[in-house]
Structure formats: C-alpha cells, structure tokens
N, C-alpha and C. Protein backbone atom coordinates (compact mmCIF):
# COMPACT_ATOMS: atom_id res chain seq x y z
N MET A 1 105.89 30.89 175.95
CA MET A 1 106.15 31.08 174.47
C MET A 1 105.46 29.60 173.23
N GLN A 2 104.45 30.03 173.32
CA GLN A 2 103.76 28.44 172.24
C GLN A 2 105.15 27.95 171.09
N SER A 3 105.05 26.59 171.43
CA SER A 3 105.78 26.31 170.33
C SER A 3 104.73 26.01 168.68
N ALA A 4 105.79 26.36 168.11
CA ALA A 4 105.74 26.08 166.46
C ALA A 4 105.05 25.32 165.91
N PRO A 5 104.49 25.41 164.87
CA PRO A 5 103.08 24.55 165.02
C PRO A 5 103.96 22.68 164.79
N PRO A 6 103.53 22.11 164.33
CA PRO A 6 104.16 21.27 163.69
C PRO A 6 104.68 21.26 162.05
N SER A 7 105.28 20.94 161.50
CA SER A 7 105.48 21.61 159.76
C SER A 7 104.52 20.17 159.20
N LYS A 8 104.50 20.61 158.46
CA LYS A 8 103.14 19.98 157.55
C LYS A 8 103.81 18.62 156.81
N PRO A 9 103.53 17.42 156.68
CA PRO A 9 104.38 16.51 155.86
C PRO A 9 104.87 16.99 154.25
N SER A 10 106.21 16.78 153.48
CA SER A 10 106.86 17.77 152.64
C SER A 10 105.58 16.27 151.62
N ARG A 11 105.06 16.54 150.41
CA ARG A 11 104.18 16.04 150.08
C ARG A 11 105.18 14.71 149.41
N ARG A 12 105.01 13.30 148.62
CA ARG A 12 105.80 12.40 148.08
C ARG A 12 106.26 13.42 146.87
N PRO A 13 107.51 12.95 146.29
CA PRO A 13 107.47 13.87 144.96
C PRO A 13 107.07 12.34 143.34
N ARG A 14 106.28 13.84 142.66
CA ARG A 14 105.57 13.69 141.41
C ARG A 14 106.79 12.51 140.41
N SER A 15 107.83 12.04 141.42
CA SER A 15 108.54 11.47 139.88
C SER A 15 107.61 10.07 140.13
N ASP A 16 107.67 9.40 141.60
CA ASP A 16 107.26 7.99 142.15
C ASP A 16 105.58 8.17 141.16
N GLY A 17 105.48 9.18 141.04
CA GLY A 17 104.04 8.66 139.70
C GLY A 17 104.62 8.72 138.39
N GLU A 18 105.40 9.74 137.55
CA GLU A 18 106.01 9.61 136.69
C GLU A 18 106.97 8.11 136.40
N ARG A 19 107.45 7.97 137.61
CA ARG A 19 108.26 6.54 137.29
C ARG A 19 107.20 5.76 136.72
N ASN A 20 105.88 4.90 138.07
CA ASN A 20 104.92 3.98 137.62
C ASN A 20 104.78 4.09 136.51
N ARG A 21 104.62 5.31 135.90
CA ARG A 21 103.74 6.06 134.53
C ARG A 21 104.32 5.37 133.17
N LEU A 22 106.08 5.57 133.85
CA LEU A 22 106.88 5.08 132.12
C LEU A 22 107.05 4.02 132.00
N ARG A 23 106.67 2.79 133.80
CA ARG A 23 107.41 1.52 133.92
C ARG A 23 105.73 1.01 132.81
N LEU A 24 104.84 1.19 133.35
CA LEU A 24 103.76 0.75 132.54
C LEU A 24 103.65 1.24 131.06
N ILE A 25 103.94 2.04 130.59
CA ILE A 25 104.50 2.25 129.47
C ILE A 25 105.48 1.15 128.90
N ASP A 26 106.18 0.70 129.62
CA ASP A 26 107.74 0.91 128.61
C ASP A 26 106.85 -1.21 128.71
N ALA A 27 106.20 -1.39 130.33
CA ALA A 27 105.49 -3.17 129.85
C ALA A 27 104.45 -3.02 128.53
N ALA A 28 103.54 -1.88 128.78
CA ALA A 28 102.70 -2.10 127.19
C ALA A 28 103.45 -2.39 126.34
N LYS A 29 104.72 -1.77 126.07
CA LYS A 29 105.04 -1.86 124.61
C LYS A 29 105.57 -3.49 124.76
N HIS A 30 106.65 -4.18 125.64
CA HIS A 30 106.41 -5.47 125.63
C HIS A 30 105.03 -6.46 125.92
N VAL A 31 104.50 -6.04 126.63
CA VAL A 31 103.21 -7.21 126.17
C VAL A 31 101.99 -7.09 125.00
N PHE A 32 102.13 -5.29 124.36
CA PHE A 32 101.62 -5.84 123.06
C PHE A 32 102.31 -5.94 121.86
N ALA A 33 103.22 -6.23 121.98
CA ALA A 33 104.27 -6.56 121.12
C ALA A 33 104.29 -8.26 121.11
N GLU A 34 104.26 -8.46 122.22
CA GLU A 34 104.02 -10.09 122.27
C GLU A 34 102.99 -10.91 122.08
N LYS A 35 101.57 -9.89 122.55
CA LYS A 35 100.24 -11.38 122.56
C LYS A 35 98.88 -10.11 122.22
N GLY A 36 99.98 -9.26 120.74
CA GLY A 36 99.15 -8.48 120.10
C GLY A 36 97.45 -7.66 120.51
N ALA A 37 96.82 -7.83 120.00
CA ALA A 37 95.27 -7.63 120.38
C ALA A 37 94.61 -8.61 121.58
N ALA A 38 95.69 -9.35 121.83
CA ALA A 38 95.06 -9.90 123.01
C ALA A 38 95.14 -10.04 124.18
N ALA A 39 96.43 -8.92 124.55
CA ALA A 39 97.02 -8.57 125.15
C ALA A 39 95.89 -8.12 126.41
N SER A 40 95.51 -8.11 127.53
CA SER A 40 94.77 -7.75 128.56
C SER A 40 95.85 -6.53 129.69
N LEU A 41 95.26 -5.50 129.99
CA LEU A 41 96.04 -4.06 130.54
C LEU A 41 96.19 -4.93 132.27
N GLU A 42 95.71 -6.14 132.20
CA GLU A 42 96.33 -7.13 133.65
C GLU A 42 97.48 -7.44 133.53
N GLN A 43 97.78 -7.96 131.76
CA GLN A 43 98.83 -8.20 132.07
C GLN A 43 99.85 -7.22 131.91
N VAL A 44 99.34 -5.94 131.36
CA VAL A 44 100.44 -4.30 131.89
C VAL A 44 100.93 -4.82 132.32
N ALA A 45 99.75 -4.15 133.69
CA ALA A 45 100.20 -4.19 135.34
C ALA A 45 100.84 -4.52 135.79
N ARG A 46 100.81 -6.41 136.15
CA ARG A 46 101.63 -7.99 136.34
C ARG A 46 103.07 -7.35 135.84
N GLU A 47 103.02 -6.84 134.34
CA GLU A 47 104.64 -6.97 133.69
C GLU A 47 105.33 -5.82 134.53
N ALA A 48 104.46 -4.49 134.55
CA ALA A 48 104.76 -3.66 134.96
C ALA A 48 105.44 -3.07 136.57
N LYS A 49 104.26 -4.19 137.28
CA LYS A 49 104.56 -4.46 139.10
C LYS A 49 103.46 -3.29 139.66
N VAL A 50 102.58 -3.47 139.31
CA VAL A 50 101.87 -2.65 139.86
C VAL A 50 100.66 -2.60 139.84
N SER A 51 99.51 -2.65 140.57
CA SER A 51 97.97 -2.42 140.77
C SER A 51 98.16 -2.27 139.79
N ILE A 52 96.55 -3.16 138.78
CA ILE A 52 95.52 -2.74 138.43
C ILE A 52 95.10 -1.20 137.79
N ALA A 53 94.44 -1.24 139.39
CA ALA A 53 94.28 0.19 140.05
C ALA A 53 94.60 1.57 139.51
N SER A 54 96.18 1.65 139.93
CA SER A 54 97.53 2.21 139.05
C SER A 54 97.39 2.19 137.96
N LEU A 55 97.20 1.47 137.26
CA LEU A 55 97.28 1.70 136.12
C LEU A 55 95.92 2.44 135.56
N TYR A 56 94.61 1.95 135.65
CA TYR A 56 93.81 3.19 135.51
C TYR A 56 93.88 4.48 135.98
N ARG A 57 94.01 4.66 137.18
CA ARG A 57 95.04 6.53 137.49
C ARG A 57 95.29 7.21 136.48
N HIS A 58 96.31 6.17 135.11
CA HIS A 58 96.88 6.84 134.85
C HIS A 58 96.71 7.01 133.15
N PHE A 59 96.15 5.64 133.27
CA PHE A 59 95.15 5.33 131.70
C PHE A 59 94.15 5.13 131.97
N PRO A 60 93.15 5.78 131.43
CA PRO A 60 91.90 5.02 131.89
C PRO A 60 91.52 4.13 131.24
N THR A 61 91.86 4.27 129.78
CA THR A 61 91.24 3.34 128.70
C THR A 61 92.42 2.20 128.03
N ARG A 62 92.07 1.34 127.13
CA ARG A 62 92.45 0.57 126.79
C ARG A 62 93.50 1.61 125.32
N ASP A 63 92.65 2.32 125.12
CA ASP A 63 92.97 3.22 124.01
C ASP A 63 94.16 3.74 124.07
N ALA A 64 93.51 4.59 125.59
CA ALA A 64 95.06 5.41 126.26
C ALA A 64 96.28 4.82 126.50
N VAL A 65 95.90 3.16 126.62
CA VAL A 65 97.55 2.94 126.83
C VAL A 65 98.87 2.95 125.96
N ILE A 66 97.72 2.58 124.84
CA ILE A 66 98.62 1.87 122.89
C ILE A 66 98.71 3.00 122.68
N SER A 67 98.00 4.45 122.77
CA SER A 67 98.62 5.57 122.51
C SER A 67 99.69 6.24 123.16
N ALA A 68 100.10 6.34 124.32
CA ALA A 68 100.47 6.79 125.05
C ALA A 68 102.25 6.39 125.04
N VAL A 69 101.87 4.73 124.68
CA VAL A 69 103.35 3.63 123.97
C VAL A 69 104.08 4.25 122.60
N TYR A 70 102.72 4.72 121.66
CA TYR A 70 103.23 4.91 120.23
C TYR A 70 103.88 6.62 120.47
N ARG A 71 102.88 7.26 121.25
CA ARG A 71 103.93 8.95 121.53
C ARG A 71 104.87 8.85 122.02
N GLN A 72 105.14 7.63 123.08
CA GLN A 72 106.91 7.47 123.71
C GLN A 72 107.61 7.88 122.98
N GLU A 73 107.26 6.72 121.83
CA GLU A 73 108.25 5.90 120.96
C GLU A 73 108.98 7.80 119.80
N VAL A 74 107.44 8.13 119.13
CA VAL A 74 107.74 9.19 118.46
C VAL A 74 108.79 10.17 119.51
N ASP A 75 107.91 11.10 120.34
CA ASP A 75 108.63 11.89 121.69
C ASP A 75 109.96 11.16 121.42
N ALA A 76 110.56 10.34 121.90
CA ALA A 76 111.98 9.74 121.91
C ALA A 76 112.69 9.83 121.02
N LEU A 77 112.06 9.90 119.66
CA LEU A 77 113.37 10.38 118.80
C LEU A 77 113.43 11.75 118.50
N ILE A 78 112.54 12.17 118.21
CA ILE A 78 112.32 13.60 118.96
C ILE A 78 114.00 14.81 119.59
N GLU A 79 113.40 12.95 120.80
CA GLU A 79 114.60 14.51 122.16
C GLU A 79 115.87 13.96 121.73
N ALA A 80 116.55 12.70 120.51
CA ALA A 80 116.83 12.17 121.00
C ALA A 80 117.89 12.70 119.46
N ALA A 81 117.12 13.83 118.90
CA ALA A 81 118.54 14.53 117.94
C ALA A 81 118.77 15.44 118.43
N ASP A 82 117.94 16.68 119.51
CA ASP A 82 119.04 16.98 120.15
C ASP A 82 120.47 16.84 120.66
N GLY A 83 120.35 15.80 121.72
CA GLY A 83 121.18 15.11 122.38
C GLY A 83 122.38 14.95 121.04
N LEU A 84 122.12 14.32 119.90
CA LEU A 84 122.73 14.01 118.70
C LEU A 84 123.79 14.70 118.44
N ILE A 85 122.86 16.15 118.24
CA ILE A 85 123.48 17.36 118.07
C ILE A 85 124.75 17.42 118.63
N ALA A 86 124.11 17.89 119.91
CA ALA A 86 124.76 17.90 120.62
C ALA A 86 126.45 17.38 120.98
N GLU A 87 126.27 16.01 121.12
CA GLU A 87 127.50 15.50 121.25
C GLU A 87 128.64 14.40 120.31
N ARG A 88 127.83 13.95 118.72
CA ARG A 88 127.65 13.89 118.14
C ARG A 88 128.68 14.99 116.57
N GLU A 89 129.74 14.01 115.65
CA GLU A 89 129.44 14.51 115.02
C GLU A 89 128.48 14.70 114.01
N PRO A 90 128.46 15.60 113.16
CA PRO A 90 127.24 15.69 111.96
C PRO A 90 126.97 14.31 111.24
N GLU A 91 127.65 12.87 110.53
CA GLU A 91 127.34 12.14 109.73
C GLU A 91 127.15 11.40 110.81
N ALA A 92 128.12 11.29 112.70
CA ALA A 92 127.82 10.50 113.39
C ALA A 92 125.94 10.67 113.68
N ALA A 93 125.95 11.78 114.16
CA ALA A 93 124.63 11.82 114.18
C ALA A 93 123.23 11.63 113.58
N LEU A 94 123.90 11.96 112.69
CA LEU A 94 122.84 11.53 111.11
C LEU A 94 122.23 10.12 111.38
N ARG A 95 123.23 9.33 111.31
CA ARG A 95 123.16 7.69 111.23
C ARG A 95 123.03 7.21 112.67
N GLU A 96 122.99 7.61 113.89
CA GLU A 96 122.40 7.05 114.76
C GLU A 96 121.08 7.63 114.65
N TRP A 97 120.96 9.23 114.86
CA TRP A 97 119.28 8.78 114.47
C TRP A 97 118.59 8.01 113.34
N LEU A 98 119.61 8.03 111.87
CA LEU A 98 118.41 7.37 111.37
C LEU A 98 118.47 6.02 111.95
N MET A 99 119.40 5.28 112.55
CA MET A 99 119.42 3.68 113.29
C MET A 99 118.47 3.92 114.32
N LEU A 100 118.20 4.61 115.04
CA LEU A 100 117.07 5.08 116.57
C LEU A 100 115.34 4.68 115.27
N PHE A 101 115.35 5.44 114.02
CA PHE A 101 114.42 4.90 112.96
C PHE A 101 114.16 3.97 112.72
N VAL A 102 114.98 3.32 112.69
CA VAL A 102 114.58 1.92 112.47
C VAL A 102 114.26 1.15 113.73
N GLU A 103 114.95 1.39 114.68
CA GLU A 103 113.97 0.57 116.16
C GLU A 103 112.76 1.46 115.65
N PHE A 104 112.05 2.53 116.28
CA PHE A 104 110.76 2.57 115.53
C PHE A 104 109.57 2.13 114.71
N LEU A 105 110.16 1.74 113.81
CA LEU A 105 110.04 1.28 112.77
C LEU A 105 109.76 -0.20 113.02
N ASP A 106 110.63 -0.87 113.95
CA ASP A 106 110.55 -2.12 114.52
C ASP A 106 109.27 -2.39 115.68
N ALA A 107 109.47 -1.47 115.55
CA ALA A 107 108.44 -1.09 117.46
C ALA A 107 107.47 -0.93 116.82
N LYS A 108 106.67 -0.52 116.54
CA LYS A 108 105.53 -0.11 115.63
C LYS A 108 104.40 -1.32 114.90
N HIS A 109 105.87 -1.72 113.96
CA HIS A 109 105.24 -2.91 113.37
C HIS A 109 105.17 -3.88 115.02
N GLY A 110 105.95 -4.10 115.99
CA GLY A 110 105.20 -5.12 116.27
C GLY A 110 104.49 -4.32 117.42
N MET A 111 103.72 -3.66 118.05
CA MET A 111 102.86 -3.18 118.01
C MET A 111 100.71 -3.02 117.20
N ALA A 112 101.47 -3.11 115.74
CA ALA A 112 100.29 -2.78 114.52
C ALA A 112 98.33 -3.31 115.19
N GLU A 113 99.30 -4.93 115.57
CA GLU A 113 98.00 -6.07 115.60
C GLU A 113 97.42 -4.41 117.08
N ALA A 114 98.00 -4.01 118.24
CA ALA A 114 97.05 -3.58 119.19
C ALA A 114 96.47 -2.17 118.88
N MET A 115 97.48 -1.55 117.83
CA MET A 115 97.35 -0.16 117.48
C MET A 115 95.69 -0.41 116.88
N ASP A 116 95.48 -1.66 115.98
CA ASP A 116 94.34 -1.18 115.11
C ASP A 116 92.99 -1.77 115.48
N THR A 117 93.38 -1.72 117.30
CA THR A 117 92.30 -1.92 117.83
C THR A 117 91.33 -0.13 118.62
N LEU A 118 92.47 0.60 118.05
CA LEU A 118 92.47 1.61 119.02
C LEU A 118 90.90 2.13 117.76
N MET A 119 90.21 2.45 118.68
CA MET A 119 88.84 3.22 118.25
C MET A 119 89.03 3.97 117.07
N GLY A 120 88.33 3.79 115.64
CA GLY A 120 88.89 4.52 115.06
C GLY A 120 90.22 3.99 113.80
N GLY A 121 90.51 2.72 114.23
CA GLY A 121 91.28 2.99 113.85
C GLY A 121 93.33 3.87 114.41
N PRO A 122 94.08 3.39 114.29
CA PRO A 122 94.77 4.13 114.06
C PRO A 122 95.91 5.60 113.54
N GLU A 123 95.07 5.76 112.66
CA GLU A 123 94.97 6.81 111.49
C GLU A 123 95.54 8.04 111.95
N ASP A 124 94.47 7.93 113.11
CA ASP A 124 94.85 9.73 113.38
C ASP A 124 95.82 10.11 114.61
N LEU A 125 96.65 8.66 114.77
CA LEU A 125 98.42 8.96 115.15
C LEU A 125 99.29 9.19 114.38
N TYR A 126 98.82 7.79 113.30
CA TYR A 126 100.15 7.68 112.30
C TYR A 126 100.30 9.42 111.80
N SER A 127 98.89 10.00 111.27
CA SER A 127 98.84 10.88 110.54
C SER A 127 99.42 12.23 111.44
N LYS A 128 99.37 12.11 112.41
CA LYS A 128 100.49 13.23 112.18
C LYS A 128 102.18 13.09 113.24
N THR A 129 102.44 11.89 112.82
CA THR A 129 104.08 11.82 112.95
C THR A 129 104.66 12.28 112.36
N PRO A 130 104.61 12.23 110.65
CA PRO A 130 105.95 13.13 109.72
C PRO A 130 105.70 14.66 110.09
N ASP A 131 104.37 15.53 110.55
CA ASP A 131 105.08 16.08 110.64
C ASP A 131 106.47 16.65 112.13
N ARG A 132 105.15 15.80 112.91
CA ARG A 132 106.46 15.68 114.10
C ARG A 132 107.61 15.51 114.07
N LEU A 133 108.40 14.26 112.98
CA LEU A 133 109.23 13.77 112.81
C LEU A 133 110.41 14.88 111.92
N ALA A 134 109.69 16.04 110.92
CA ALA A 134 110.00 16.69 110.36
C ALA A 134 111.29 17.68 110.85
N SER A 135 110.45 17.71 112.01
CA SER A 135 111.99 18.80 112.69
C SER A 135 113.14 18.58 113.34
N PRO A 136 113.07 16.91 114.21
CA PRO A 136 114.49 16.20 114.37
C PRO A 136 115.42 15.83 112.84
N ILE A 137 114.34 15.58 111.86
CA ILE A 137 115.64 15.47 110.44
C ILE A 137 115.39 16.62 110.35
N THR A 138 115.35 17.32 109.89
CA THR A 138 115.42 18.38 109.74
C THR A 138 116.28 19.33 109.98
N ALA A 139 116.49 18.79 111.25
CA ALA A 139 117.52 19.76 112.54
C ALA A 139 119.06 18.51 112.00
N LEU A 140 118.96 17.48 111.99
CA LEU A 140 120.25 16.64 111.86
C LEU A 140 120.77 16.46 110.39
N VAL A 141 120.33 17.20 109.23
CA VAL A 141 120.45 16.64 108.32
C VAL A 141 121.12 18.70 107.75
N THR A 142 120.80 19.86 108.66
CA THR A 142 121.41 21.13 108.58
C THR A 142 122.55 21.07 109.05
N TYR A 143 122.85 19.75 110.13
CA TYR A 143 123.93 20.31 111.20
C TYR A 143 124.53 19.35 110.03
N ALA A 144 124.26 18.99 108.83
CA ALA A 144 125.33 17.70 108.50
C ALA A 144 125.63 18.72 107.25
N VAL A 145 125.23 19.68 106.61
CA VAL A 145 125.10 20.46 105.70
C VAL A 145 125.91 21.51 106.15
N GLU A 146 125.43 22.25 107.32
CA GLU A 146 126.26 23.15 107.56
C GLU A 146 128.30 22.92 107.80
N ALA A 147 127.96 21.82 108.14
CA ALA A 147 129.76 21.00 108.77
C ALA A 147 130.13 20.49 106.93
N GLY A 148 128.74 20.71 105.56
CA GLY A 148 130.33 20.23 104.78
C GLY A 148 129.94 18.85 104.32
N ALA A 149 129.64 18.01 105.38
CA ALA A 149 129.31 17.19 104.93
C ALA A 149 128.03 15.79 104.86
N CYS A 150 127.06 16.73 104.29
CA CYS A 150 126.17 16.33 103.56
C CYS A 150 125.79 17.26 102.34
N GLN A 151 125.07 16.61 101.28
CA GLN A 151 124.92 17.40 100.01
C GLN A 151 123.32 19.00 100.53
N ARG A 152 123.64 19.84 99.98
CA ARG A 152 122.76 20.72 100.58
C ARG A 152 121.00 20.49 99.03
N ASP A 153 121.27 19.29 98.81
CA ASP A 153 119.82 19.77 98.16
C ASP A 153 119.03 18.10 97.83
N VAL A 154 119.25 17.76 99.88
CA VAL A 154 119.13 16.54 100.46
C VAL A 154 117.26 16.98 100.66
N GLU A 155 116.53 16.37 100.87
CA GLU A 155 115.06 16.46 101.02
C GLU A 155 115.05 15.82 102.34
N PRO A 156 115.43 16.14 103.79
CA PRO A 156 115.16 15.71 105.02
C PRO A 156 114.05 13.59 104.99
N LEU A 157 113.17 14.51 104.09
CA LEU A 157 111.87 13.57 104.57
C LEU A 157 111.87 11.73 104.01
N ASP A 158 112.39 12.36 102.95
CA ASP A 158 112.96 11.31 101.94
C ASP A 158 113.34 10.53 102.54
N LEU A 159 114.70 10.63 103.72
CA LEU A 159 115.31 9.70 104.25
C LEU A 159 114.27 8.53 104.48
N LEU A 160 113.19 9.32 105.81
CA LEU A 160 112.96 8.76 106.48
C LEU A 160 111.86 7.67 105.12
N ARG A 161 111.01 8.38 104.30
CA ARG A 161 110.27 7.43 103.08
C ARG A 161 110.82 6.39 102.81
N ALA A 162 112.44 6.62 102.72
CA ALA A 162 112.87 5.12 102.31
C ALA A 162 112.90 3.60 103.26
N LEU A 163 113.49 4.11 103.92
CA LEU A 163 112.98 3.62 105.32
C LEU A 163 112.48 2.75 105.88
N SER A 164 111.07 3.36 105.53
CA SER A 164 109.64 3.39 105.84
C SER A 164 109.13 2.06 104.83
N GLY A 165 109.78 2.35 103.61
CA GLY A 165 109.68 1.44 102.64
C GLY A 165 110.05 0.44 102.55
N VAL A 166 111.35 0.42 103.50
CA VAL A 166 112.26 -0.92 103.47
C VAL A 166 111.27 -1.65 104.17
N ALA A 167 110.54 -1.39 105.93
CA ALA A 167 109.79 -1.11 106.75
C ALA A 167 108.50 -2.36 106.25
N THR A 168 107.65 -1.34 105.36
CA THR A 168 106.73 -2.14 104.44
C THR A 168 106.77 -3.04 104.00
N ILE A 169 107.99 -2.98 103.11
CA ILE A 169 107.91 -4.80 102.24
C ILE A 169 108.38 -5.81 103.51
N ARG A 170 109.22 -5.13 104.25
CA ARG A 170 110.22 -6.87 105.30
C ARG A 170 109.64 -7.49 104.80
N VAL A 171 110.41 -8.54 103.54
CA VAL A 171 110.30 -9.22 102.71
C VAL A 171 111.84 -10.06 104.08
N GLY A 172 110.82 -11.68 104.60
CA GLY A 172 112.40 -12.28 105.95
C GLY A 172 111.88 -11.65 106.96
N GLU A 173 113.02 -12.46 107.59
CA GLU A 173 112.63 -12.22 109.19
C GLU A 173 113.90 -11.31 109.14
N ASN A 174 114.90 -11.55 108.46
CA ASN A 174 116.30 -10.44 108.32
C ASN A 174 116.09 -8.77 107.69
N TRP A 175 114.44 -8.42 108.50
CA TRP A 175 114.42 -6.50 107.47
C TRP A 175 115.07 -5.97 107.85
N LYS A 176 115.23 -5.82 109.26
CA LYS A 176 116.05 -4.27 109.60
C LYS A 176 117.08 -5.11 109.70
N ARG A 177 118.39 -6.07 109.55
CA ARG A 177 119.84 -5.61 108.25
C ARG A 177 119.47 -5.16 107.11
N SER A 178 118.77 -5.30 106.12
CA SER A 178 118.21 -4.38 104.69
C SER A 178 117.91 -2.97 105.75
N ALA A 179 117.22 -2.91 106.77
CA ALA A 179 117.56 -1.33 106.84
C ALA A 179 118.71 -1.03 107.18
N VAL A 180 119.58 -1.45 108.43
CA VAL A 180 120.28 -1.10 108.46
C VAL A 180 121.17 -1.24 106.91
N ARG A 181 121.12 -1.73 105.79
CA ARG A 181 122.33 -1.75 104.47
C ARG A 181 121.42 -0.45 103.79
N MET A 182 120.44 -0.08 103.64
CA MET A 182 119.42 1.20 103.36
C MET A 182 119.87 2.23 103.97
N VAL A 183 120.35 2.25 104.91
CA VAL A 183 120.71 3.98 106.25
C VAL A 183 122.09 4.12 105.34
N GLU A 184 123.37 2.91 105.64
CA GLU A 184 124.44 3.64 105.23
C GLU A 184 124.38 3.84 103.67
N LEU A 185 123.78 3.27 102.74
CA LEU A 185 123.39 3.04 101.55
C LEU A 185 123.20 4.54 101.30
N LEU A 186 122.17 5.56 101.62
CA LEU A 186 121.77 6.81 102.37
C LEU A 186 122.62 7.85 102.36
N LEU A 187 123.17 7.52 103.94
CA LEU A 187 124.29 8.43 103.66
C LEU A 187 125.46 8.00 103.06
N ALA A 188 125.85 7.47 102.18
CA ALA A 188 127.20 7.70 101.32
C ALA A 188 126.19 8.47 99.87
N GLY A 189 125.26 8.18 99.82
CA GLY A 189 124.68 8.75 98.60
C GLY A 189 124.38 10.08 98.46
N ILE A 190 123.93 10.69 99.90
CA ILE A 190 123.77 12.21 100.55
C ILE A 190 125.27 12.53 100.78
N SER A 191 126.05 12.23 100.67
CA SER A 191 127.31 13.27 101.62
C SER A 191 128.58 13.74 100.50
N ALA A 192 129.05 14.10 100.88
CA ALA A 192 129.11 15.53 100.47
C ALA A 192 130.42 15.27 99.55
N LYS A 193 130.93 14.03 100.26
CA LYS A 193 131.94 13.63 99.72
C LYS A 193 131.71 12.14 97.95
N ALA A 194 130.15 12.10 98.26
CA ALA A 194 129.50 11.01 96.44
C ALA A 194 130.23 11.46 95.23
N PRO A 195 131.06 10.32 95.04
CA PRO A 195 130.88 11.10 93.62
C PRO A 195 130.15 11.36 92.16
N GLY A 196 130.65 12.37 91.41
CA GLY A 196 129.75 13.28 91.10
C GLY A 196 129.62 14.48 91.69
N HIS A 197 129.55 14.59 93.15
CA HIS A 197 129.27 15.50 93.76
C HIS A 197 130.04 17.08 93.47
N GLY A 198 129.35 17.97 92.70
CA GLY A 198 130.08 18.83 92.78
C GLY A 198 130.63 19.26 91.51
N ASP A 199 130.71 18.38 90.97
CA ASP A 199 131.10 18.12 89.34
C ASP A 199 130.29 19.05 88.28
C-alpha cells in the first residue's frame, strides 16, 4: 500500500506581508512629518525595521510611499464613520469623527513638504479627498438628523470646510486647540437644541 504523498507546506499567511506594509506606511508618516522632503526611503525602512528591499517590494517609488500614507489617512477616516455610527450616540459619533478629521488635517500638514515632492504635485490626491469624505460625513449628519439631534438643513461638507479653514490659517502653535473649539462651536450651532431653532 502506497503511503500518501507528503502534504505541501502551507503558504505563509499574507498577513505577514500586510503587517510589513502597514508598518512601512506608519513609519513613513512619522519620518516624512519629521524630516520633510529630506527624508529618505532608507530612513523609512529603518524606522519600520524592515529591509530596503522589502520596502521596494511594497512601494516601487518614493511617490508610491507618500501616496500610500495619505490614502491610508483618508481610508481610516472613512472606516471610522461606520464604527462610530454603530457604537456611539449621534452627537458623540459626529464629535469624535470631527476630532479625527482634525488629526487628519494635522497629519496632512506634517506631510506637506513631502507631498510637494510628488511628481506633478499633490493636487491629484488632494482633489479626490472631498468626494471620498462626503459619504462618511453625510452618513454621520444623517444619523444625527434622524435621531433629532441635528438640524435638517445642515450641509455636511460645510463642517469640513470650516475646520479646513482653521487648519489653513494655523495661527500659532496651538491651532489644534482652536480647531477643537471650532468643533464644539459647530456642534452647538447645528444642534436641534440651538437657540432660535424651530421658532
């Protein structure tokens, strides 16, 4: 009786490669924020504790690394909305997401010098952001409206425009404190309990 052929060794789960990719993106975010345009891919690889060859397997060019960092920041915002809607009360969900948007603006500013080195500039990446973020902010505002926590005539993207304006001006080192105050002012202004609403 013939013995069964030896089983083939199982493939290493793709999660290893994905973990390295995520480590590289996280490392790149910090290195580019600290070093700006002077940051090298070797520094990114060292920060992620992977080889430069591994970096190039995931990201063949410097532009690919920078773009991946920015896209992941946007993706994280989009994914966060669903979780907040499922787990938080409407006003808390909207507040937490807007605070995450403030963090996104801060990361974007930190990456600005590196983003400017993209071939053709960063405008192509930036131009797609409002469309991609329209869905999560609209879902959060709709959630609040349907719960009676928010006025019905609120334009969701106006909330992002207001916070982006604070980030663009960036007066002093404590601009984030101003942005947090703006979040509270915006929420107070759109609340269904705002003075004069429904009069």
